[in-house]
Amino acid sequence: MKNFSSVILTVVILVLDCCASMHNAAAADNPYSDTANARLEIKQALTRAAATHTSVIVVFGANWCPDCKTLDLAMKNGACATLLARDFRIVKVNVGHFDKNLDIAKSYEVPLAKGIPAVAILSSKDQVLYVTREGELANARDMGDTGIYKFFKRVTAAAMAKE
């Protein structure tokens, strides 16, 4: 009977571990939270940015958007990951099916109609330093890691010069 109980316990642990792994994978596949308070996250990022003398990159996107997921991966693991992690706080804002957080995009003059993902780079004082105005990242899949890196290298240098 003890062996049977041990087997059952082992199976239960394996199933729970598998479920946790699947949940973590789903979270990684969905970088834009449906429940986040985007305004609060931006405010918190600006506070941290002021303390560390960095800027904030606000990324507007959606989990259904393959280009948004490509950009998210590049920002986490690609060539630009180190560049961005060193000098910026990053906030991801879910725009849903263009029915969420549109007021935030508008407040930073981000034209979502030009495509997502879209970004605004903000000073720690909440001043807009750069905005994708022509859908510059809406083809992130075609840009690839190198193209995304070159984009961020160019625009972050220009944004930093304004601050």
Protein backbone atom coordinates (compact mmCIF):
# COMPACT_ATOMS: atom_id res chain seq x y z
CA MET A 1 0.00 0.00 0.00
CA LYS A 2 2.88 2.39 0.76
CA ASN A 3 4.31 1.82 -2.73
CA PHE A 4 0.95 2.60 -4.30
CA SER A 5 0.66 5.82 -2.26
CA SER A 6 4.18 6.82 -3.31
CA VAL A 7 3.35 6.21 -6.96
CA ILE A 8 0.15 8.28 -6.70
CA LEU A 9 2.02 11.08 -4.92
CA THR A 10 4.74 11.05 -7.59
CA VAL A 11 2.15 11.20 -10.38
CA VAL A 12 0.35 14.10 -8.68
CA ILE A 13 3.63 16.01 -8.30
CA LEU A 14 4.50 15.41 -11.94
CA VAL A 15 1.07 16.57 -13.11
CA LEU A 16 1.25 19.72 -10.98
CA ASP A 17 4.76 20.44 -12.22
CA CYS A 18 3.60 20.02 -15.81
CA CYS A 19 0.66 22.37 -15.21
CA ALA A 20 2.97 25.00 -13.72
CA SER A 21 5.30 24.71 -16.72
CA MET A 22 2.38 25.10 -19.12
CA HIS A 23 1.15 28.16 -17.18
CA ASN A 24 4.63 29.75 -17.31
CA ALA A 25 4.91 29.02 -21.04
CA ALA A 26 1.49 30.59 -21.65
CA ALA A 27 2.53 33.68 -19.67
CA ALA A 28 5.69 33.94 -21.76
CA ASP A 29 3.63 33.59 -24.94
CA ASN A 30 1.34 36.39 -23.78
CA PRO A 31 3.53 39.33 -22.83
CA TYR A 32 0.63 41.81 -22.67
CA SER A 33 -1.42 41.50 -19.49
CA ASP A 34 -5.19 41.63 -19.66
CA THR A 35 -5.43 42.70 -16.03
CA ALA A 36 -2.56 45.16 -15.61
CA ASN A 37 -3.24 48.76 -14.66
CA ALA A 38 -1.19 50.35 -17.44
CA ARG A 39 -1.35 53.89 -16.04
CA LEU A 40 -0.09 52.68 -12.68
CA GLU A 41 2.70 50.63 -14.27
CA ILE A 42 3.84 53.64 -16.29
CA LYS A 43 3.76 55.84 -13.19
CA GLN A 44 5.81 53.29 -11.23
CA ALA A 45 8.31 52.95 -14.09
CA LEU A 46 8.69 56.74 -14.25
CA THR A 47 9.37 56.84 -10.51
CA ARG A 48 12.03 54.13 -10.82
CA ALA A 49 13.47 55.86 -13.89
CA ALA A 50 13.85 59.12 -12.00
CA ALA A 51 15.72 57.35 -9.21
CA THR A 52 18.09 55.59 -11.63
CA HIS A 53 18.44 58.38 -14.23
CA THR A 54 16.99 56.23 -16.99
CA SER A 55 14.12 56.62 -19.45
CA VAL A 56 10.98 54.57 -20.01
CA ILE A 57 9.95 52.68 -23.13
CA VAL A 58 6.21 52.09 -23.34
CA VAL A 59 5.41 49.30 -25.78
CA PHE A 60 1.84 49.18 -27.08
CA GLY A 61 0.85 45.77 -28.37
CA ALA A 62 -1.42 42.75 -28.10
CA ASN A 63 -1.05 39.02 -27.52
CA TRP A 64 -2.75 38.13 -30.83
CA CYS A 65 -0.14 40.13 -32.78
CA PRO A 66 2.82 38.07 -34.09
CA ASP A 67 4.92 41.21 -34.62
CA CYS A 68 4.31 42.20 -30.99
CA LYS A 69 5.49 38.79 -29.81
CA THR A 70 8.57 38.99 -32.07
CA LEU A 71 9.43 42.41 -30.65
CA ASP A 72 8.92 41.15 -27.09
CA LEU A 73 11.30 38.25 -27.68
CA ALA A 74 13.91 40.54 -29.23
CA MET A 75 13.64 42.94 -26.29
CA LYS A 76 14.09 40.10 -23.80
CA ASN A 77 16.65 37.87 -25.53
CA GLY A 78 17.85 39.55 -28.69
CA ALA A 79 20.78 41.81 -29.46
CA CYS A 80 18.92 44.85 -28.11
CA ALA A 81 18.08 43.22 -24.76
CA THR A 82 21.29 44.40 -23.07
CA LEU A 83 21.04 47.87 -24.61
CA LEU A 84 17.47 48.34 -23.38
CA ALA A 85 17.88 46.74 -19.95
CA ARG A 86 20.82 49.00 -19.14
CA ASP A 87 19.27 52.37 -19.97
CA PHE A 88 15.50 51.92 -19.88
CA ARG A 89 12.52 50.77 -17.87
CA ILE A 90 10.09 48.91 -20.11
CA VAL A 91 6.31 48.87 -19.72
CA LYS A 92 4.09 46.78 -21.98
CA VAL A 93 0.60 48.14 -22.55
CA ASN A 94 -2.09 45.82 -23.92
CA VAL A 95 -4.26 47.46 -26.56
CA GLY A 96 -6.42 44.34 -26.92
CA HIS A 97 -8.22 44.45 -30.26
CA PHE A 98 -7.73 48.21 -30.35
CA ASP A 99 -10.25 48.51 -27.53
CA LYS A 100 -8.00 48.90 -24.46
CA ASN A 101 -5.72 51.67 -23.22
CA LEU A 102 -6.30 53.77 -26.30
CA ASP A 103 -6.43 56.87 -24.12
CA ILE A 104 -2.88 56.18 -22.95
CA ALA A 105 -1.62 55.83 -26.51
CA LYS A 106 -3.40 59.05 -27.43
CA SER A 107 -1.92 60.90 -24.45
CA TYR A 108 1.57 60.12 -25.81
CA GLU A 109 0.47 60.80 -29.42
CA VAL A 110 1.10 57.20 -30.49
CA PRO A 111 -0.88 56.57 -33.70
CA LEU A 112 -1.97 52.95 -33.20
CA ALA A 113 -3.75 53.04 -36.56
CA LYS A 114 -0.29 52.90 -38.17
CA GLY A 115 0.24 49.47 -36.60
CA ILE A 116 1.45 47.65 -33.55
CA PRO A 117 3.75 47.14 -31.84
CA ALA A 118 4.29 50.83 -31.30
CA VAL A 119 6.54 52.53 -28.78
CA ALA A 120 6.89 55.79 -26.93
CA ILE A 121 10.15 56.65 -25.22
CA LEU A 122 9.62 58.89 -22.20
CA SER A 123 11.98 60.88 -20.05
CA SER A 124 11.79 60.20 -16.33
CA LYS A 125 9.78 63.46 -16.17
CA ASP A 126 7.11 61.92 -18.44
CA GLN A 127 8.14 63.95 -21.50
CA VAL A 128 7.86 62.23 -24.87
CA LEU A 129 11.31 61.80 -26.40
CA TYR A 130 10.32 59.56 -29.32
CA VAL A 131 7.20 57.92 -30.78
CA THR A 132 6.79 55.45 -33.63
CA ARG A 133 4.63 57.59 -35.89
CA GLU A 134 4.72 55.53 -39.08
CA GLY A 135 4.37 51.94 -37.84
CA GLU A 136 8.14 51.50 -37.74
CA LEU A 137 7.88 48.26 -35.73
CA ALA A 138 4.66 46.89 -37.22
CA ASN A 139 6.75 44.55 -39.37
CA ALA A 140 9.01 43.30 -36.56
CA ARG A 141 8.87 39.74 -37.96
CA ASP A 142 10.45 40.95 -41.20
CA MET A 143 12.98 43.16 -39.39
CA GLY A 144 14.40 40.25 -37.44
CA ASP A 145 16.66 40.60 -34.43
CA THR A 146 19.27 42.65 -36.30
CA GLY A 147 16.74 45.10 -37.69
CA ILE A 148 15.08 45.55 -34.30
CA TYR A 149 18.49 46.14 -32.71
CA LYS A 150 19.41 48.75 -35.33
CA PHE A 151 16.05 50.47 -34.83
CA PHE A 152 16.47 50.71 -31.06
CA LYS A 153 20.13 51.70 -31.33
CA ARG A 154 19.16 54.62 -33.58
CA VAL A 155 16.05 55.85 -31.76
CA THR A 156 17.33 55.40 -28.23
CA ALA A 157 20.47 57.38 -29.03
CA ALA A 158 18.31 60.18 -30.45
CA ALA A 159 15.96 60.04 -27.45
CA MET A 160 18.85 60.11 -24.96
CA ALA A 161 20.26 63.18 -26.70
CA LYS A 162 16.95 65.00 -26.08
CA GLU A 163 16.94 64.24 -22.36
